[in-house]
Structure formats: structure tokens, C-alpha cells
Amino acid sequence: MTTSDTPSADKPTDDWVTGEEAITGPQKSYLKTLLQEAGRQESVEQLTKAEASDMIEKLQAETGRGDG
């Protein structure tokens, strides 16, 4: 079941109801992998879900790990 408070790649992160919640474990792990591949050292501990999602998209493009 899809609800309006479920984050989706199709919905801008600014519109996520849960976007201000703390970064999830899987987001944190994947971001650390992407940052390592990009040769960057940044802390992700204080990011929100929405910030993490935006950062993941940018790093996927930078590292070539994106969907397209």
C-alpha cells in the first residue's frame, strides 16, 4: 500500500512527510560506500532522510552508479 507519507523517488524530497526524520541505516551504509568510491570523506551521521536521498542521487551520478 502506498501512502502520501511514504518516500518515493518520484516525489521530490521536499514533499516527503518523513523527510525530516534521521537518516536510515541502509542510507548511511550506501552513502558511505558512494563517498568512498568518490574519494570523499564526509560525515553522514546528522543527515535527514531527505538530505541523504539527495546526496545519494548526486553521488550516484558522480560515481556512475545511477540507474541510467
Protein backbone atom coordinates (compact mmCIF):
# COMPACT_ATOMS: atom_id res chain seq x y z
CA MET A 1 0.00 0.00 0.00
CA THR A 2 1.35 3.41 -0.98
CA THR A 3 0.55 6.43 1.14
CA SER A 4 1.46 10.08 0.81
CA ASP A 5 3.92 9.80 3.70
CA THR A 6 5.95 7.05 2.02
CA PRO A 7 9.13 8.46 0.45
CA SER A 8 9.36 7.77 -3.25
CA ALA A 9 11.95 8.53 -5.90
CA ASP A 10 9.09 10.01 -7.93
CA LYS A 11 8.20 12.52 -5.22
CA PRO A 12 10.53 15.47 -4.52
CA THR A 13 12.28 15.06 -1.16
CA ASP A 14 10.96 18.47 -0.10
CA ASP A 15 7.46 16.94 -0.20
CA TRP A 16 8.26 13.86 1.90
CA VAL A 17 6.32 13.78 5.17
CA THR A 18 9.11 11.69 6.73
CA GLY A 19 11.92 13.63 5.09
CA GLU A 20 13.00 15.33 8.30
CA GLU A 21 13.49 12.02 10.13
CA ALA A 22 17.03 10.80 10.75
CA ILE A 23 18.95 9.00 8.03
CA THR A 24 18.19 5.27 7.87
CA GLY A 25 20.77 2.54 8.36
CA PRO A 26 20.67 1.42 4.73
CA GLN A 27 21.02 5.03 3.51
CA LYS A 28 24.00 5.56 5.80
CA SER A 29 25.72 2.39 4.64
CA TYR A 30 25.16 3.11 0.94
CA LEU A 31 26.27 6.73 1.32
CA LYS A 32 29.49 5.64 2.98
CA THR A 33 30.15 3.29 0.05
CA LEU A 34 29.42 6.03 -2.50
CA LEU A 35 31.57 8.56 -0.67
CA GLN A 36 34.46 6.10 -0.56
CA GLU A 37 34.12 5.43 -4.30
CA ALA A 38 34.04 9.19 -4.97
CA GLY A 39 37.19 9.65 -2.86
CA ARG A 40 35.38 11.90 -0.40
CA GLN A 41 35.33 11.84 3.38
CA GLU A 42 32.20 13.44 4.76
CA SER A 43 30.10 12.71 7.80
CA VAL A 44 26.59 11.47 7.10
CA GLU A 45 25.54 10.97 10.72
CA GLN A 46 23.47 14.15 11.03
CA LEU A 47 21.66 13.96 7.69
CA THR A 48 17.90 13.63 7.39
CA LYS A 49 16.27 11.01 5.17
CA ALA A 50 15.62 13.65 2.52
CA GLU A 51 19.15 15.06 2.63
CA ALA A 52 20.57 11.54 2.41
CA SER A 53 18.40 10.73 -0.59
CA ASP A 54 19.50 13.90 -2.39
CA MET A 55 23.15 13.16 -1.61
CA ILE A 56 22.77 9.58 -2.86
CA GLU A 57 21.40 10.83 -6.18
CA LYS A 58 24.30 13.25 -6.63
CA LEU A 59 26.91 10.66 -5.71
CA GLN A 60 25.35 8.03 -7.98
CA ALA A 61 25.74 10.43 -10.88
CA GLU A 62 29.30 11.25 -9.82
CA THR A 63 30.35 7.62 -9.46
CA GLY A 64 28.36 6.19 -12.35
CA ARG A 65 26.25 4.00 -10.06
CA GLY A 66 22.95 5.63 -11.04
CA ASP A 67 20.09 3.83 -12.72
CA GLY A 68 20.54 5.47 -16.05
